[in-house]
Amino acid sequence: MSIPAWVEPQLATLTRDRFSNPAWIYERKLDGERCLAFRDGNVRLLTRNEHDVTATFPEVAAALAAVADGTVLDGEIVAFDGDETRFERLQQRLGVVDPSDTLIRDYPVVYYVFDVMFARGDDVRPLPELERKRLLRELVVSGGPLMYTEHRTGDGVAFWHQACADGWEGLIAKDADAPYTAGRTRNWLKFKCLAGQELVVGGFTDPQRSRQGFGALLLGYYSSAGALTYAGKVGTGFDNRTLVSLRARLDGLARSDSPFDAGSPPRAGAHWVEPRLVAQIEFAEWTRDGLLRQPRFQGLRDDKSATEVVRESPV
């Protein structure tokens, strides 16, 4: 059964609203790597920027072999720390091709599928959300590294409060009657518990005292006019191994001038790099000056291009 080589995924919009509506469903927001699964004789796992990670997650690919041909699934690959998903743990697997049995055992992952675009060769994107969820449950048998994403109907506010109390990143609210639409839409909304988003690395500062690698990463995002805007620096969330390995990558991207077009990054002790690396950052809030407050590094992302990174503003 023939399916497309690529399907543009649907993206959720961040919102300040919290609502309960029987015409919407609510799912757990997962802190991992967005992946589309293509089952057409073989299995392919592709990230949002069409990077093939099939060999990075062989246990997921093996589980997907049981899914019917002609199927395209949408989901998120996550790693757990207890009952919570942690991008820091998933970071240990990212970029590792053909991981060892030991790495797979020490850092297990789960592919949570939450939508289906093609089912047994049929394009099901025009179907309502709840109908696609019904098809998805038929296609996917939960177990091991492959799990169906459960949802609730109607009680969005109570579910969000529970999610935050349980340490989740938040919820995704979805219009139960809406089709699957490529790109960012308001048919899917993000109810976040913690602030966090991807930011571009544009430089770093020197390490102080006994610290290795670097002191802090200098971060930014692209404005609507395409200017790389300084958003602040992050110096927490790194272990020694990350400090050393990331410094090696930064040195390979060195440039003589600042890549930032707006804002005021520090100049003293700053080293500039080509803005190609994307970091996942958790933080308390944005300050009035447009800088991050209490940021913490969670890991590097390879499922999003640096040029796509903008400041997420709730609607």
Protein backbone atom coordinates (compact mmCIF):
# COMPACT_ATOMS: atom_id res chain seq x y z
CA MET A 1 0.00 0.00 0.00
CA SER A 2 1.50 3.30 -1.08
CA ILE A 3 1.87 6.16 1.39
CA PRO A 4 3.66 9.52 1.03
CA ALA A 5 7.38 9.79 1.74
CA TRP A 6 6.58 12.69 4.08
CA VAL A 7 3.50 14.25 5.71
CA GLU A 8 3.63 17.72 7.29
CA PRO A 9 2.66 17.39 10.97
CA GLN A 10 0.04 19.42 12.80
CA LEU A 11 1.35 21.73 15.54
CA ALA A 12 -0.33 23.04 18.69
CA THR A 13 -0.72 26.70 19.66
CA LEU A 14 0.21 27.91 23.15
CA THR A 15 -2.70 29.52 25.00
CA ARG A 16 -3.35 31.20 28.35
CA ASP A 17 -6.91 29.86 28.35
CA ARG A 18 -7.89 26.86 30.45
CA PHE A 19 -11.34 25.51 29.65
CA SER A 20 -13.58 22.48 29.95
CA ASN A 21 -15.61 21.78 26.83
CA PRO A 22 -17.38 18.50 25.96
CA ALA A 23 -16.53 19.13 22.29
CA TRP A 24 -12.80 18.90 23.07
CA ILE A 25 -10.51 16.10 24.23
CA TYR A 26 -7.47 16.47 26.49
CA GLU A 27 -4.20 14.53 26.37
CA ARG A 28 -0.98 14.59 28.33
CA LYS A 29 1.67 16.90 26.87
CA LEU A 30 4.83 14.83 26.55
CA ASP A 31 8.38 16.15 26.92
CA GLY A 32 10.25 14.31 24.16
CA GLU A 33 11.03 14.20 20.45
CA ARG A 34 8.15 14.48 17.98
CA CYS A 35 8.30 11.67 15.43
CA LEU A 36 6.18 10.44 12.54
CA ALA A 37 6.18 6.70 11.88
CA PHE A 38 5.82 5.43 8.30
CA ARG A 39 4.88 1.75 7.87
CA ASP A 40 5.05 0.64 4.23
CA GLY A 41 6.81 -2.69 4.03
CA ASN A 42 9.60 -1.20 6.15
CA VAL A 43 9.46 1.17 9.11
CA ARG A 44 10.77 4.74 9.03
CA LEU A 45 10.87 7.14 11.98
CA LEU A 46 11.24 10.79 10.97
CA THR A 47 11.49 13.87 13.18
CA ARG A 48 9.70 17.16 12.48
CA ASN A 49 12.57 18.31 10.27
CA GLU A 50 12.55 14.99 8.36
CA HIS A 51 15.65 13.60 10.10
CA ASP A 52 15.60 9.79 9.98
CA VAL A 53 16.01 8.37 13.50
CA THR A 54 14.98 4.78 12.77
CA ALA A 55 18.43 3.46 13.70
CA THR A 56 18.49 5.60 16.86
CA PHE A 57 15.40 3.88 18.29
CA PRO A 58 15.57 0.30 16.98
CA GLU A 59 13.26 -1.04 19.72
CA VAL A 60 10.54 1.37 18.58
CA ALA A 61 11.03 0.43 14.93
CA ALA A 62 10.75 -3.26 15.84
CA ALA A 63 7.48 -2.67 17.72
CA LEU A 64 6.05 -0.70 14.78
CA ALA A 65 6.62 -3.67 12.48
CA ALA A 66 3.41 -5.15 13.94
CA VAL A 67 1.35 -2.19 12.65
CA ALA A 68 -0.56 -2.66 9.38
CA ASP A 69 1.10 -1.58 6.14
CA GLY A 70 0.03 1.71 4.60
CA THR A 71 0.00 3.51 7.94
CA VAL A 72 1.43 6.86 9.05
CA LEU A 73 1.35 7.62 12.78
CA ASP A 74 2.07 10.78 14.75
CA GLY A 75 3.55 10.69 18.22
CA GLU A 76 6.33 11.54 20.65
CA ILE A 77 9.33 9.51 21.78
CA VAL A 78 9.97 10.02 25.48
CA ALA A 79 12.16 8.76 28.31
CA PHE A 80 10.82 8.48 31.84
CA ASP A 81 12.28 9.37 35.22
CA GLY A 82 9.82 7.66 37.52
CA ASP A 83 6.36 8.75 36.40
CA GLU A 84 7.59 11.92 34.67
CA THR A 85 8.99 12.32 31.16
CA ARG A 86 12.42 13.95 31.16
CA PHE A 87 14.04 15.37 28.05
CA GLU A 88 17.39 15.19 29.88
CA ARG A 89 17.16 11.39 29.92
CA LEU A 90 16.09 11.22 26.28
CA GLN A 91 19.17 13.33 25.47
CA GLN A 92 21.32 10.26 26.25
CA ARG A 93 19.79 8.50 23.23
CA LEU A 94 19.59 11.34 20.70
CA GLY A 95 22.13 11.18 17.91
CA VAL A 96 23.26 7.64 18.81
CA VAL A 97 22.94 5.36 15.78
CA ASP A 98 22.66 1.63 16.49
CA PRO A 99 22.74 2.02 20.31
CA SER A 100 24.17 -0.77 22.41
CA ASP A 101 21.97 -3.13 24.38
CA THR A 102 23.31 -1.50 27.54
CA LEU A 103 22.28 2.00 26.42
CA ILE A 104 18.82 0.77 25.43
CA ARG A 105 18.46 -0.94 28.82
CA ASP A 106 19.74 2.02 30.86
CA TYR A 107 17.78 4.66 28.93
CA PRO A 108 14.60 2.99 27.66
CA VAL A 109 12.23 5.01 25.51
CA VAL A 110 8.52 4.84 24.72
CA TYR A 111 6.82 6.00 21.53
CA TYR A 112 3.44 7.46 22.50
CA VAL A 113 1.25 7.66 19.39
CA PHE A 114 -1.57 10.19 19.52
CA ASP A 115 -2.81 10.46 15.93
CA VAL A 116 -2.97 8.68 12.57
CA MET A 117 -2.80 10.31 9.12
CA PHE A 118 -2.91 7.23 6.89
CA ALA A 119 -4.50 3.91 7.87
CA ARG A 120 -4.05 0.82 5.69
CA GLY A 121 -3.38 3.04 2.68
CA ASP A 122 -6.32 5.44 3.21
CA ASP A 123 -5.79 9.14 3.90
CA VAL A 124 -7.73 9.65 7.14
CA ARG A 125 -6.64 13.24 7.83
CA PRO A 126 -10.07 14.66 6.81
CA LEU A 127 -11.80 12.56 9.51
CA PRO A 128 -12.71 14.13 12.87
CA GLU A 129 -10.19 13.86 15.70
CA LEU A 130 -12.23 11.34 17.70
CA GLU A 131 -12.72 9.09 14.66
CA ARG A 132 -8.97 9.11 14.03
CA LYS A 133 -8.39 8.20 17.69
CA ARG A 134 -10.76 5.23 17.28
CA LEU A 135 -8.80 4.05 14.23
CA LEU A 136 -5.52 4.58 16.07
CA ARG A 137 -6.61 2.37 18.95
CA GLU A 138 -7.44 -0.39 16.44
CA LEU A 139 -4.05 -0.07 14.75
CA VAL A 140 -1.81 0.07 17.81
CA VAL A 141 -1.53 -2.54 20.53
CA SER A 142 0.03 -0.86 23.57
CA GLY A 143 2.99 -2.58 25.14
CA GLY A 144 6.73 -2.18 25.60
CA PRO A 145 8.09 0.80 23.66
CA LEU A 146 4.83 1.47 21.79
CA MET A 147 1.87 3.06 23.57
CA TYR A 148 -1.49 4.54 22.60
CA THR A 149 -2.02 8.02 24.11
CA GLU A 150 -5.16 8.06 26.25
CA HIS A 151 -7.41 11.11 26.41
CA ARG A 152 -10.20 12.59 28.50
CA THR A 153 -13.30 14.40 27.30
CA GLY A 154 -14.73 17.58 28.76
CA ASP A 155 -12.94 18.05 32.10
CA GLY A 156 -10.01 20.11 30.84
CA VAL A 157 -9.53 22.45 33.81
CA ALA A 158 -9.60 19.72 36.45
CA PHE A 159 -7.32 17.53 34.34
CA TRP A 160 -4.86 20.43 33.91
CA HIS A 161 -4.72 21.03 37.68
CA GLN A 162 -4.07 17.32 38.21
CA ALA A 163 -1.40 17.30 35.50
CA CYS A 164 0.47 20.18 37.13
CA ALA A 165 0.20 18.61 40.59
CA ASP A 166 1.62 15.37 39.17
CA GLY A 167 4.61 17.18 37.65
CA TRP A 168 3.55 16.88 34.01
CA GLU A 169 4.56 19.45 31.43
CA GLY A 170 0.91 20.17 30.71
CA LEU A 171 -1.94 19.10 28.41
CA ILE A 172 -2.84 19.28 24.75
CA ALA A 173 -6.47 20.24 24.13
CA LYS A 174 -7.90 19.07 20.78
CA ASP A 175 -11.11 19.92 18.96
CA ALA A 176 -12.86 16.54 18.75
CA ASP A 177 -14.54 17.35 15.43
CA ALA A 178 -11.54 18.85 13.61
CA PRO A 179 -9.55 17.21 10.78
CA TYR A 180 -5.79 16.76 10.86
CA THR A 181 -4.36 19.99 9.39
CA ALA A 182 -0.69 20.57 8.55
CA GLY A 183 1.08 23.39 10.37
CA ARG A 184 0.23 25.33 13.52
CA THR A 185 -3.49 25.52 14.20
CA ARG A 186 -5.87 26.43 17.01
CA ASN A 187 -7.57 23.04 16.75
CA TRP A 188 -4.75 21.86 19.04
CA LEU A 189 -3.92 24.05 22.06
CA LYS A 190 -1.15 23.76 24.65
CA PHE A 191 -2.04 24.09 28.34
CA LYS A 192 1.45 24.32 29.89
CA CYS A 193 2.26 23.90 33.57
CA LEU A 194 5.86 25.09 33.26
CA ALA A 195 7.31 27.64 30.88
CA GLY A 196 9.73 26.23 28.38
CA GLN A 197 10.64 26.33 24.72
CA GLU A 198 13.41 25.81 22.20
CA LEU A 199 16.04 28.55 21.80
CA VAL A 200 19.00 29.02 19.48
CA VAL A 201 22.57 28.95 20.81
CA GLY A 202 24.48 32.00 19.54
CA GLY A 203 27.49 31.95 21.83
CA PHE A 204 28.91 31.06 25.23
CA THR A 205 30.93 32.54 28.07
CA ASP A 206 34.18 31.35 29.63
CA PRO A 207 34.04 28.87 32.52
CA GLN A 208 34.93 30.20 35.96
CA ARG A 209 37.03 28.60 38.70
CA SER A 210 36.92 24.78 38.48
CA ARG A 211 34.06 24.58 35.96
CA GLN A 212 34.85 22.82 32.69
CA GLY A 213 33.78 23.58 29.12
CA PHE A 214 31.98 26.91 29.36
CA GLY A 215 30.17 29.15 31.79
CA ALA A 216 26.81 29.77 30.13
CA LEU A 217 25.14 29.49 26.74
CA LEU A 218 23.94 32.71 25.09
CA LEU A 219 20.47 32.14 23.69
CA GLY A 220 18.13 33.74 21.19
CA TYR A 221 15.12 33.37 18.94
CA TYR A 222 14.13 34.71 15.54
CA SER A 223 11.74 37.65 15.31
CA SER A 224 9.04 37.91 12.67
CA ALA A 225 11.48 40.03 10.66
CA GLY A 226 14.09 37.27 10.76
CA ALA A 227 16.40 38.94 13.30
CA LEU A 228 18.13 36.71 15.87
CA THR A 229 17.10 38.32 19.16
CA TYR A 230 19.04 37.81 22.39
CA ALA A 231 16.96 36.11 25.09
CA GLY A 232 19.44 35.66 27.93
CA LYS A 233 21.94 33.09 29.10
CA VAL A 234 21.68 29.71 30.81
CA GLY A 235 24.35 28.25 33.08
CA THR A 236 22.48 25.52 34.98
CA GLY A 237 21.34 22.05 34.00
CA PHE A 238 24.70 20.77 32.74
CA ASP A 239 26.78 17.88 34.02
CA ASN A 240 30.54 17.74 33.40
CA ARG A 241 30.23 15.38 30.45
CA THR A 242 27.74 17.71 28.73
CA LEU A 243 29.92 20.75 29.43
CA VAL A 244 32.94 19.12 27.77
CA SER A 245 31.15 17.52 24.81
CA LEU A 246 29.06 20.60 24.07
CA ARG A 247 32.14 22.85 24.21
CA ALA A 248 33.71 20.69 21.48
CA ARG A 249 30.63 21.20 19.29
CA LEU A 250 30.62 24.93 19.98
CA ASP A 251 34.28 25.24 19.02
CA GLY A 252 33.44 23.65 15.67
CA LEU A 253 30.88 26.41 15.03
CA ALA A 254 33.10 29.35 16.06
CA ARG A 255 32.75 32.71 14.33
CA SER A 256 34.39 36.09 14.95
CA ASP A 257 31.30 38.28 15.29
CA SER A 258 28.02 38.12 17.18
CA PRO A 259 25.13 36.40 15.36
CA PHE A 260 22.58 38.39 17.38
CA ASP A 261 20.81 41.15 15.47
CA ALA A 262 18.78 42.49 18.42
CA GLY A 263 19.09 42.64 22.18
CA SER A 264 22.22 43.13 24.28
CA PRO A 265 24.22 39.96 24.85
CA PRO A 266 27.26 40.26 27.14
CA ARG A 267 30.49 41.10 25.34
CA ALA A 268 33.09 40.48 28.04
CA GLY A 269 34.30 36.89 27.87
CA ALA A 270 31.81 35.99 25.12
CA HIS A 271 32.58 33.62 22.26
CA TRP A 272 30.32 33.58 19.22
CA VAL A 273 29.10 30.59 17.23
CA GLU A 274 27.06 30.00 14.10
CA PRO A 275 23.39 29.82 15.24
CA ARG A 276 22.74 26.18 14.36
CA LEU A 277 22.24 24.40 17.69
CA VAL A 278 18.79 24.35 19.28
CA ALA A 279 18.51 23.97 23.07
CA GLN A 280 15.44 23.00 25.08
CA ILE A 281 15.15 25.45 27.98
CA GLU A 282 12.87 25.42 31.02
CA PHE A 283 12.37 28.77 32.75
CA ALA A 284 10.12 30.61 35.19
CA GLU A 285 8.94 33.42 32.91
CA TRP A 286 9.95 36.16 30.49
CA THR A 287 11.04 39.42 32.14
CA ARG A 288 9.77 42.82 31.00
CA ASP A 289 13.10 43.26 29.19
CA GLY A 290 12.42 40.15 27.12
CA LEU A 291 14.93 37.92 28.91
CA LEU A 292 14.58 34.49 30.49
CA ARG A 293 14.10 34.31 34.24
CA GLN A 294 15.61 31.30 36.08
CA PRO A 295 16.40 29.29 32.93
CA ARG A 296 17.64 25.70 33.06
CA PHE A 297 19.17 23.70 30.20
CA GLN A 298 17.36 20.44 29.43
CA GLY A 299 19.17 19.26 26.31
CA LEU A 300 19.82 19.84 22.61
CA ARG A 301 17.12 19.16 20.02
CA ASP A 302 17.71 17.77 16.55
CA ASP A 303 14.04 17.65 15.53
CA LYS A 304 13.78 21.38 14.83
CA SER A 305 15.84 23.69 12.62
CA ALA A 306 17.32 26.80 14.25
CA THR A 307 15.61 29.08 11.72
CA GLU A 308 12.20 27.84 12.94
CA VAL A 309 12.77 28.98 16.53
CA VAL A 310 10.57 31.93 17.51
CA ARG A 311 9.42 33.22 20.86
CA GLU A 312 6.27 31.34 21.82
CA SER A 313 3.57 33.73 22.90
CA PRO A 314 0.27 32.46 24.32
CA VAL A 315 -2.90 33.53 22.54
